[in-house]
Amino acid sequence: MISFAKKIPFQLKSEQIFMLSGLLVNAGNYAYNLILGRYLGPTEFADAAILITLLLVLSFVAMTYQLAVAKFTLEFDSESSVRFVKWMYRNAIILGVILGCGMVVFASDLQKLFHTVSSEMFTIFGCVIPLYFAMSVNRGRFQGNSNFVQLSGTYQFEMITRLVVTFFILFFFQISSSVGVAIGIAVSMIAGLFPFKSMAGFRKVKGKISAANQKRILSFLIISASYEGTLIICNNSDILLVKHFFEAYDAGLYASLALIGRVVYFITWMFVMLLLPKVIQYRKEGLNTIPILSKYLFYITLLCIAIVSFTFIFPDFAVRILFGEGFLEISPLLGWYALATGLFAISNVFAYYFLSLDHYRPILFAAVMGIVQIILILFFHNNLFEVVLMQITAMGVLLALQVGYFRRFAR
């Protein structure tokens, strides 16, 4: 990755390399989901979508560690930073082992809850959860030190490995598609650990983190975990509830809708990853952080408008190109789902901005509206369109609350 970057004839900043890499990774992940949907069809894809959703849920949980490592790596001196990262690795792996063991033990119960063909997919997934948490701490070190080239490499290795291994297994081995997808995801978690930042400095640094710093770290972890939990609810509860309430065919159609509509969120995510360290750096230097927020907010809003407009104007074209004729039944809902995701993506920018400034009230807004979204879907799920409308309602109110709080904060 580094040697390649040096050979580029014009000078690219590390942030620009990360943006280009992010586009490539998102394109690869979308290719993975789309090819999987075409290959499996709506019914089998419903089981695969559960695993993909669980991977997204896991990424949000692990993001707590990545954000904490990125934030405090910037704020601590070099010796305290190494001591802190060592502590984070230990705690992240312990949590990963607890969650992984829980998934393995309750694999059969998860099979019954989500009406999947096998329980082995949950067992395989649970075995590699600790690796994902270690990978997130590693990524946090790269992000905090603005090593965006190496950070890009971890995402690319994970994406390429998942794509290659999953389809190699599905094409050449006669096993359950859900088990094949689970193995592909598991192997990709191992690949995502590389490049791995050296841990040689850990042996030299002795002592413990000060009580004051431990308090700051734990406070941030609790708050950011609460927000990442909110993201899980807002971003994934609909797929899990639809899989529970609807037949496998309808759940598969809805999963394809979600994967297309969420392109808004995943494209804007790259800007959010760049925003966080910049806001922390501006704050550390005593500079006004609002202009940097305004810049990124403008880009993200523009992207959201463009993508949502396209999905409203050309829904059949988008579904036909991406998933094929077998999924056209869902095309009337595409623009509406993209709208819900766009509202959430914009409100997410405000939340991460305030999180980096240690303002936590916007996280409470997101938590409340995430719970409201679940309650609305529990009561109103007569058809898939009703499920989407409940999300638009909840995410619209959330964005209004975030904008209102920001205007008050700016004054």
Protein backbone atom coordinates (compact mmCIF):
# COMPACT_ATOMS: atom_id res chain seq x y z
CA MET A 1 0.00 0.00 0.00
CA ILE A 2 2.69 2.53 1.01
CA SER A 3 5.06 1.75 -1.86
CA PHE A 4 2.16 1.97 -4.28
CA ALA A 5 1.17 5.39 -2.94
CA LYS A 6 4.72 6.69 -3.45
CA LYS A 7 4.65 5.76 -7.12
CA ILE A 8 1.59 7.91 -7.89
CA PRO A 9 2.81 10.68 -10.22
CA PHE A 10 0.87 13.42 -8.44
CA GLN A 11 0.84 13.85 -4.68
CA LEU A 12 -2.21 12.41 -2.94
CA LYS A 13 -2.86 13.22 0.69
CA SER A 14 -3.48 10.28 3.00
CA GLU A 15 -7.08 11.48 3.50
CA GLN A 16 -7.64 11.38 -0.28
CA ILE A 17 -6.18 7.87 -0.46
CA PHE A 18 -8.54 6.83 2.32
CA MET A 19 -11.52 8.32 0.44
CA LEU A 20 -10.59 6.50 -2.78
CA SER A 21 -9.99 3.30 -0.84
CA GLY A 22 -13.33 3.74 0.94
CA LEU A 23 -15.10 4.00 -2.41
CA LEU A 24 -13.36 0.81 -3.53
CA VAL A 25 -14.23 -1.04 -0.31
CA ASN A 26 -17.88 0.05 -0.44
CA ALA A 27 -18.07 -0.95 -4.10
CA GLY A 28 -16.58 -4.34 -3.25
CA ASN A 29 -18.96 -4.90 -0.35
CA TYR A 30 -21.89 -3.96 -2.55
CA ALA A 31 -20.68 -6.28 -5.29
CA TYR A 32 -20.49 -9.04 -2.67
CA ASN A 33 -24.07 -8.42 -1.50
CA LEU A 34 -25.50 -8.00 -4.98
CA ILE A 35 -23.84 -11.08 -6.48
CA LEU A 36 -24.90 -13.06 -3.42
CA GLY A 37 -28.50 -11.92 -3.86
CA ARG A 38 -28.53 -12.80 -7.55
CA TYR A 39 -26.89 -16.17 -6.96
CA LEU A 40 -29.04 -17.29 -4.02
CA GLY A 41 -32.45 -15.76 -4.83
CA PRO A 42 -34.80 -14.07 -2.32
CA THR A 43 -35.46 -17.08 -0.04
CA GLU A 44 -31.87 -18.25 0.54
CA PHE A 45 -30.62 -14.66 0.55
CA ALA A 46 -32.81 -14.00 3.61
CA ASP A 47 -30.53 -16.26 5.71
CA ALA A 48 -27.37 -14.74 4.26
CA ALA A 49 -28.75 -11.27 4.99
CA ILE A 50 -29.05 -12.18 8.68
CA LEU A 51 -25.31 -12.91 8.78
CA ILE A 52 -24.53 -9.69 6.90
CA THR A 53 -26.73 -7.79 9.36
CA LEU A 54 -24.99 -9.43 12.32
CA LEU A 55 -21.66 -8.37 10.81
CA LEU A 56 -22.94 -4.79 10.62
CA VAL A 57 -24.14 -5.01 14.22
CA LEU A 58 -20.73 -6.30 15.29
CA SER A 59 -18.99 -3.50 13.38
CA PHE A 60 -21.03 -0.90 15.27
CA VAL A 61 -20.21 -2.49 18.65
CA ALA A 62 -16.51 -2.73 17.80
CA MET A 63 -16.54 0.85 16.50
CA THR A 64 -16.75 1.93 20.16
CA TYR A 65 -13.18 0.70 20.63
CA GLN A 66 -11.96 2.15 17.34
CA LEU A 67 -13.33 5.61 18.17
CA ALA A 68 -11.93 5.54 21.72
CA VAL A 69 -8.48 4.50 20.54
CA ALA A 70 -8.51 7.16 17.79
CA LYS A 71 -9.60 9.88 20.23
CA PHE A 72 -7.21 9.19 23.12
CA THR A 73 -4.23 8.33 20.91
CA LEU A 74 -4.46 11.94 19.77
CA GLU A 75 -4.92 13.36 23.26
CA PHE A 76 -2.38 11.34 25.32
CA ASP A 77 1.40 11.65 25.29
CA SER A 78 3.35 8.82 23.65
CA GLU A 79 3.97 6.74 26.80
CA SER A 80 0.41 7.09 28.09
CA SER A 81 -0.88 6.28 24.61
CA VAL A 82 0.99 2.97 24.46
CA ARG A 83 -0.22 2.05 27.96
CA PHE A 84 -3.77 2.96 26.95
CA VAL A 85 -3.73 0.90 23.73
CA LYS A 86 -2.40 -2.14 25.60
CA TRP A 87 -5.28 -1.80 28.07
CA MET A 88 -7.78 -1.44 25.21
CA TYR A 89 -6.54 -4.58 23.43
CA ARG A 90 -6.99 -6.62 26.61
CA ASN A 91 -10.50 -5.35 27.32
CA ALA A 92 -11.65 -5.56 23.70
CA ILE A 93 -10.58 -9.20 23.39
CA ILE A 94 -12.25 -10.10 26.71
CA LEU A 95 -15.55 -8.59 25.52
CA GLY A 96 -15.15 -10.35 22.17
CA VAL A 97 -14.71 -13.72 23.90
CA ILE A 98 -17.82 -13.14 26.04
CA LEU A 99 -19.98 -12.17 23.05
CA GLY A 100 -18.56 -14.97 20.89
CA CYS A 101 -19.20 -17.63 23.53
CA GLY A 102 -22.73 -16.28 23.98
CA MET A 103 -23.45 -16.64 20.27
CA VAL A 104 -22.04 -20.18 20.16
CA VAL A 105 -24.05 -21.27 23.22
CA PHE A 106 -27.32 -19.76 21.95
CA ALA A 107 -26.84 -20.67 18.26
CA SER A 108 -29.89 -22.97 18.20
CA ASP A 109 -32.05 -20.31 19.86
CA LEU A 110 -30.96 -17.75 17.26
CA GLN A 111 -31.89 -20.24 14.55
CA LYS A 112 -35.43 -20.50 15.93
CA LEU A 113 -35.75 -16.74 16.46
CA PHE A 114 -34.80 -15.83 12.87
CA HIS A 115 -36.17 -18.99 11.19
CA THR A 116 -32.84 -19.88 9.54
CA VAL A 117 -31.96 -23.20 7.89
CA SER A 118 -29.02 -23.99 10.19
CA SER A 119 -27.50 -23.03 13.53
CA GLU A 120 -23.92 -23.70 12.37
CA MET A 121 -23.76 -20.27 10.72
CA PHE A 122 -24.12 -18.63 14.15
CA THR A 123 -21.52 -20.97 15.69
CA ILE A 124 -18.91 -20.15 13.03
CA PHE A 125 -19.64 -16.44 13.33
CA GLY A 126 -19.33 -16.50 17.13
CA CYS A 127 -15.90 -18.18 17.06
CA VAL A 128 -14.21 -15.22 15.33
CA ILE A 129 -15.85 -12.30 17.15
CA PRO A 130 -12.77 -11.71 19.39
CA LEU A 131 -10.65 -11.18 16.26
CA TYR A 132 -13.00 -8.44 15.07
CA PHE A 133 -12.54 -6.50 18.31
CA ALA A 134 -8.74 -6.79 18.07
CA MET A 135 -8.99 -5.58 14.47
CA SER A 136 -11.01 -2.53 15.58
CA VAL A 137 -8.38 -1.50 18.15
CA ASN A 138 -5.73 -1.84 15.45
CA ARG A 139 -7.80 0.38 13.15
CA GLY A 140 -8.27 2.92 15.92
CA ARG A 141 -4.48 3.24 16.23
CA PHE A 142 -4.17 3.95 12.51
CA GLN A 143 -7.07 6.42 12.58
CA GLY A 144 -5.81 8.29 15.64
CA ASN A 145 -2.35 8.70 14.10
CA SER A 146 -3.90 9.70 10.72
CA ASN A 147 -2.26 6.67 9.06
CA PHE A 148 -5.07 6.50 6.54
CA VAL A 149 -3.11 4.43 3.99
CA GLN A 150 -2.63 1.58 6.48
CA LEU A 151 -6.21 2.01 7.71
CA SER A 152 -7.40 1.65 4.12
CA GLY A 153 -5.40 -1.56 3.80
CA THR A 154 -7.24 -3.26 6.68
CA TYR A 155 -10.60 -2.53 5.08
CA GLN A 156 -9.44 -3.67 1.65
CA PHE A 157 -7.99 -6.96 2.88
CA GLU A 158 -11.21 -7.69 4.76
CA MET A 159 -13.43 -6.90 1.77
CA ILE A 160 -11.38 -8.78 -0.86
CA THR A 161 -10.99 -11.87 1.32
CA ARG A 162 -14.72 -12.05 2.10
CA LEU A 163 -15.58 -11.70 -1.59
CA VAL A 164 -13.12 -14.32 -2.84
CA VAL A 165 -13.50 -16.93 -0.09
CA THR A 166 -17.32 -16.83 0.06
CA PHE A 167 -17.86 -17.39 -3.66
CA PHE A 168 -15.06 -19.94 -3.92
CA ILE A 169 -16.85 -22.00 -1.26
CA LEU A 170 -20.31 -21.55 -2.80
CA PHE A 171 -19.13 -22.44 -6.32
CA PHE A 172 -16.89 -25.42 -5.51
CA PHE A 173 -18.29 -27.00 -2.33
CA GLN A 174 -21.68 -28.60 -1.79
CA ILE A 175 -22.56 -27.07 1.57
CA SER A 176 -25.36 -24.90 2.90
CA SER A 177 -25.16 -21.38 1.46
CA SER A 178 -25.53 -19.83 4.93
CA VAL A 179 -22.57 -21.89 6.24
CA GLY A 180 -20.51 -20.88 3.20
CA VAL A 181 -21.26 -17.21 3.84
CA ALA A 182 -20.36 -17.63 7.53
CA ILE A 183 -16.98 -19.17 6.65
CA GLY A 184 -16.25 -16.35 4.20
CA ILE A 185 -17.03 -13.73 6.85
CA ALA A 186 -14.91 -15.56 9.44
CA VAL A 187 -11.84 -15.74 7.20
CA SER A 188 -12.24 -12.07 6.24
CA MET A 189 -12.04 -11.07 9.92
CA ILE A 190 -8.61 -12.68 10.09
CA ALA A 191 -7.49 -10.88 6.93
CA GLY A 192 -8.78 -7.57 8.32
CA LEU A 193 -6.12 -7.66 11.04
CA PHE A 194 -3.49 -6.80 8.43
CA PRO A 195 -1.55 -4.60 8.18
CA PHE A 196 -1.09 -4.97 11.95
CA LYS A 197 0.62 -2.14 13.77
CA SER A 198 3.64 -3.29 15.78
CA MET A 199 3.08 -4.01 19.48
CA ALA A 200 6.80 -3.97 20.33
CA GLY A 201 6.48 -0.83 22.46
CA PHE A 202 4.01 -2.52 24.81
CA ARG A 203 6.73 -4.56 26.52
CA LYS A 204 8.74 -1.45 27.42
CA VAL A 205 5.95 0.54 29.03
CA LYS A 206 5.06 -0.44 32.59
CA GLY A 207 2.54 0.88 35.06
CA LYS A 208 -1.18 1.54 34.89
CA ILE A 209 -3.38 4.22 33.44
CA SER A 210 -4.03 7.00 35.94
CA ALA A 211 -7.37 7.00 37.75
CA ALA A 212 -8.35 10.30 36.13
CA ASN A 213 -7.63 8.97 32.63
CA GLN A 214 -9.41 5.70 33.37
CA LYS A 215 -12.48 7.68 34.34
CA ARG A 216 -12.33 9.70 31.10
CA ILE A 217 -11.84 6.58 29.00
CA LEU A 218 -14.65 4.63 30.65
CA SER A 219 -17.02 7.60 30.36
CA PHE A 220 -16.28 7.87 26.65
CA LEU A 221 -16.62 4.11 26.14
CA ILE A 222 -19.99 4.05 27.89
CA ILE A 223 -21.30 7.04 25.94
CA SER A 224 -19.96 5.89 22.57
CA ALA A 225 -21.20 2.32 23.24
CA SER A 226 -24.62 3.76 23.93
CA TYR A 227 -24.53 5.63 20.65
CA GLU A 228 -23.22 2.65 18.68
CA GLY A 229 -26.03 0.64 20.25
CA THR A 230 -28.41 3.28 18.96
CA LEU A 231 -26.89 2.96 15.49
CA ILE A 232 -27.48 -0.78 15.66
CA ILE A 233 -31.15 -0.19 16.47
CA CYS A 234 -31.66 2.48 13.80
CA ASN A 235 -29.69 0.68 11.09
CA ASN A 236 -30.51 -2.99 11.62
CA SER A 237 -33.63 -3.51 13.74
CA ASP A 238 -35.88 -3.27 10.68
CA ILE A 239 -34.19 -6.21 8.91
CA LEU A 240 -34.30 -8.38 12.04
CA LEU A 241 -37.96 -7.51 12.72
CA VAL A 242 -38.97 -8.14 9.11
CA LYS A 243 -37.20 -11.53 9.20
CA HIS A 244 -39.21 -12.34 12.33
CA PHE A 245 -42.64 -11.07 11.17
CA PHE A 246 -42.59 -11.90 7.42
CA GLU A 247 -42.09 -15.01 5.30
CA ALA A 248 -38.58 -15.84 4.01
CA TYR A 249 -39.38 -14.62 0.48
CA ASP A 250 -40.60 -11.20 1.66
CA ALA A 251 -37.70 -10.95 4.11
CA GLY A 252 -35.27 -11.63 1.26
CA LEU A 253 -36.87 -8.91 -0.85
CA TYR A 254 -36.65 -6.48 2.05
CA ALA A 255 -33.01 -7.36 2.66
CA SER A 256 -32.21 -6.49 -0.96
CA LEU A 257 -34.08 -3.20 -0.53
CA ALA A 258 -32.05 -2.38 2.57
CA LEU A 259 -28.74 -3.16 0.88
CA ILE A 260 -29.51 -0.85 -2.04
CA GLY A 261 -30.98 1.91 0.10
CA ARG A 262 -28.09 1.91 2.54
CA VAL A 263 -25.63 2.99 -0.12
CA VAL A 264 -26.40 6.48 1.21
CA TYR A 265 -25.13 5.63 4.69
CA PHE A 266 -22.00 3.77 3.64
CA ILE A 267 -20.83 6.43 1.20
CA THR A 268 -21.28 9.18 3.80
CA TRP A 269 -19.52 7.04 6.44
CA MET A 270 -16.15 7.83 4.81
CA PHE A 271 -16.64 11.53 5.48
CA VAL A 272 -17.58 10.84 9.11
CA MET A 273 -14.35 8.83 9.63
CA LEU A 274 -12.35 11.82 8.37
CA LEU A 275 -14.40 14.33 10.38
CA LEU A 276 -13.73 12.82 13.82
CA PRO A 277 -9.92 13.27 14.06
CA LYS A 278 -10.11 16.72 12.43
CA VAL A 279 -12.64 18.00 14.98
CA ILE A 280 -10.55 16.64 17.86
CA GLN A 281 -7.41 18.26 16.41
CA TYR A 282 -9.18 21.62 15.91
CA ARG A 283 -10.46 21.52 19.47
CA LYS A 284 -7.00 20.65 20.80
CA GLU A 285 -5.56 23.69 18.98
CA GLY A 286 -8.33 26.00 20.22
CA LEU A 287 -9.81 26.53 16.74
CA ASN A 288 -13.47 26.93 15.80
CA THR A 289 -14.83 23.48 14.83
CA ILE A 290 -18.08 24.64 13.22
CA PRO A 291 -16.55 25.47 9.79
CA ILE A 292 -15.11 21.96 9.46
CA LEU A 293 -18.51 20.48 10.36
CA SER A 294 -20.23 22.75 7.81
CA LYS A 295 -17.83 21.59 5.10
CA TYR A 296 -18.43 17.88 5.67
CA LEU A 297 -22.16 18.39 6.23
CA PHE A 298 -22.44 20.11 2.85
CA TYR A 299 -20.73 17.19 1.06
CA ILE A 300 -22.84 14.58 2.83
CA THR A 301 -26.15 16.38 2.26
CA LEU A 302 -25.33 16.81 -1.42
CA LEU A 303 -24.56 13.11 -1.77
CA CYS A 304 -27.76 12.15 0.04
CA ILE A 305 -29.91 14.35 -2.21
CA ALA A 306 -28.28 12.93 -5.36
CA ILE A 307 -28.67 9.27 -4.35
CA VAL A 308 -32.23 9.62 -2.98
CA SER A 309 -33.33 11.50 -6.12
CA PHE A 310 -31.89 8.76 -8.32
CA THR A 311 -33.69 6.00 -6.41
CA PHE A 312 -37.03 7.83 -6.72
CA ILE A 313 -36.62 8.54 -10.44
CA PHE A 314 -35.11 5.22 -11.56
CA PRO A 315 -36.16 2.55 -9.02
CA ASP A 316 -36.80 -0.24 -11.56
CA PHE A 317 -33.50 0.43 -13.30
CA ALA A 318 -31.59 0.34 -9.99
CA VAL A 319 -33.18 -2.92 -8.79
CA ARG A 320 -32.88 -4.62 -12.21
CA ILE A 321 -29.20 -3.72 -12.59
CA LEU A 322 -28.24 -4.55 -9.03
CA PHE A 323 -30.35 -7.59 -8.09
CA GLY A 324 -32.13 -8.68 -11.27
CA GLU A 325 -35.70 -9.24 -12.42
CA GLY A 326 -36.51 -11.50 -9.48
CA PHE A 327 -36.40 -8.54 -7.08
CA LEU A 328 -38.39 -5.96 -9.11
CA GLU A 329 -41.34 -6.39 -6.76
CA ILE A 330 -39.54 -4.24 -4.22
CA SER A 331 -38.64 -1.30 -6.52
CA PRO A 332 -41.59 0.98 -5.50
CA LEU A 333 -40.14 1.11 -1.98
CA LEU A 334 -36.55 1.92 -2.97
CA GLY A 335 -36.76 5.72 -2.98
CA TRP A 336 -38.63 5.79 0.33
CA TYR A 337 -36.07 3.52 2.01
CA ALA A 338 -33.20 5.63 0.65
CA LEU A 339 -34.94 8.72 2.07
CA ALA A 340 -35.08 7.14 5.55
CA THR A 341 -31.39 6.21 5.31
CA GLY A 342 -30.47 9.70 4.06
CA LEU A 343 -32.19 11.37 7.01
CA PHE A 344 -30.34 9.05 9.36
CA ALA A 345 -26.96 9.62 7.63
CA ILE A 346 -27.22 13.41 7.99
CA SER A 347 -28.28 13.21 11.64
CA ASN A 348 -25.35 10.84 12.22
CA VAL A 349 -22.89 13.58 11.20
CA PHE A 350 -24.18 15.84 13.98
CA ALA A 351 -24.01 13.00 16.51
CA TYR A 352 -20.37 12.11 15.76
CA TYR A 353 -19.42 15.79 15.76
CA PHE A 354 -20.84 16.29 19.25
CA LEU A 355 -19.43 12.96 20.44
CA SER A 356 -15.92 14.14 19.52
CA LEU A 357 -16.56 17.35 21.53
CA ASP A 358 -17.85 15.43 24.60
CA HIS A 359 -21.43 16.70 24.11
CA TYR A 360 -23.68 13.73 24.72
CA ARG A 361 -27.26 15.00 24.55
CA PRO A 362 -27.58 14.29 20.77
CA ILE A 363 -26.78 10.66 21.55
CA LEU A 364 -29.79 10.57 23.86
CA PHE A 365 -31.93 11.90 20.99
CA ALA A 366 -30.72 9.07 18.76
CA ALA A 367 -31.30 6.44 21.45
CA VAL A 368 -34.87 7.59 22.07
CA MET A 369 -35.75 7.71 18.37
CA GLY A 370 -34.14 4.31 17.77
CA ILE A 371 -36.42 2.82 20.41
CA VAL A 372 -39.37 4.73 18.93
CA GLN A 373 -38.57 3.19 15.54
CA ILE A 374 -38.73 -0.34 16.98
CA ILE A 375 -42.01 0.39 18.77
CA LEU A 376 -43.53 1.83 15.59
CA ILE A 377 -42.54 -1.23 13.54
CA LEU A 378 -43.83 -3.59 16.25
CA PHE A 379 -47.26 -1.97 16.00
CA PHE A 380 -47.31 -1.12 12.28
CA HIS A 381 -46.05 -3.93 10.05
CA ASN A 382 -49.04 -4.90 7.93
CA ASN A 383 -46.84 -4.64 4.83
CA LEU A 384 -43.29 -3.69 3.92
CA PHE A 385 -44.21 -0.15 2.89
CA GLU A 386 -45.62 0.49 6.36
CA VAL A 387 -42.32 -0.65 7.88
CA VAL A 388 -40.42 1.85 5.71
CA LEU A 389 -42.80 4.70 6.58
CA MET A 390 -42.21 4.09 10.30
CA GLN A 391 -38.48 4.51 9.71
CA ILE A 392 -38.98 7.76 7.77
CA THR A 393 -41.08 9.11 10.64
CA ALA A 394 -38.52 8.24 13.32
CA MET A 395 -35.47 9.40 11.35
CA GLY A 396 -37.17 12.66 10.29
CA VAL A 397 -37.87 13.56 13.91
CA LEU A 398 -34.30 12.59 14.87
CA LEU A 399 -32.78 14.91 12.26
CA ALA A 400 -35.04 17.77 13.40
CA LEU A 401 -33.85 17.29 16.99
CA GLN A 402 -30.18 17.21 15.95
CA VAL A 403 -30.47 20.36 13.83
CA GLY A 404 -32.33 22.17 16.62
CA TYR A 405 -29.64 21.25 19.16
CA PHE A 406 -26.85 22.33 16.80
CA ARG A 407 -28.44 25.74 16.21
CA ARG A 408 -28.65 26.27 19.95
CA PHE A 409 -25.04 25.08 20.39
CA ALA A 410 -23.77 27.37 17.60
CA ARG A 411 -25.33 30.42 19.27
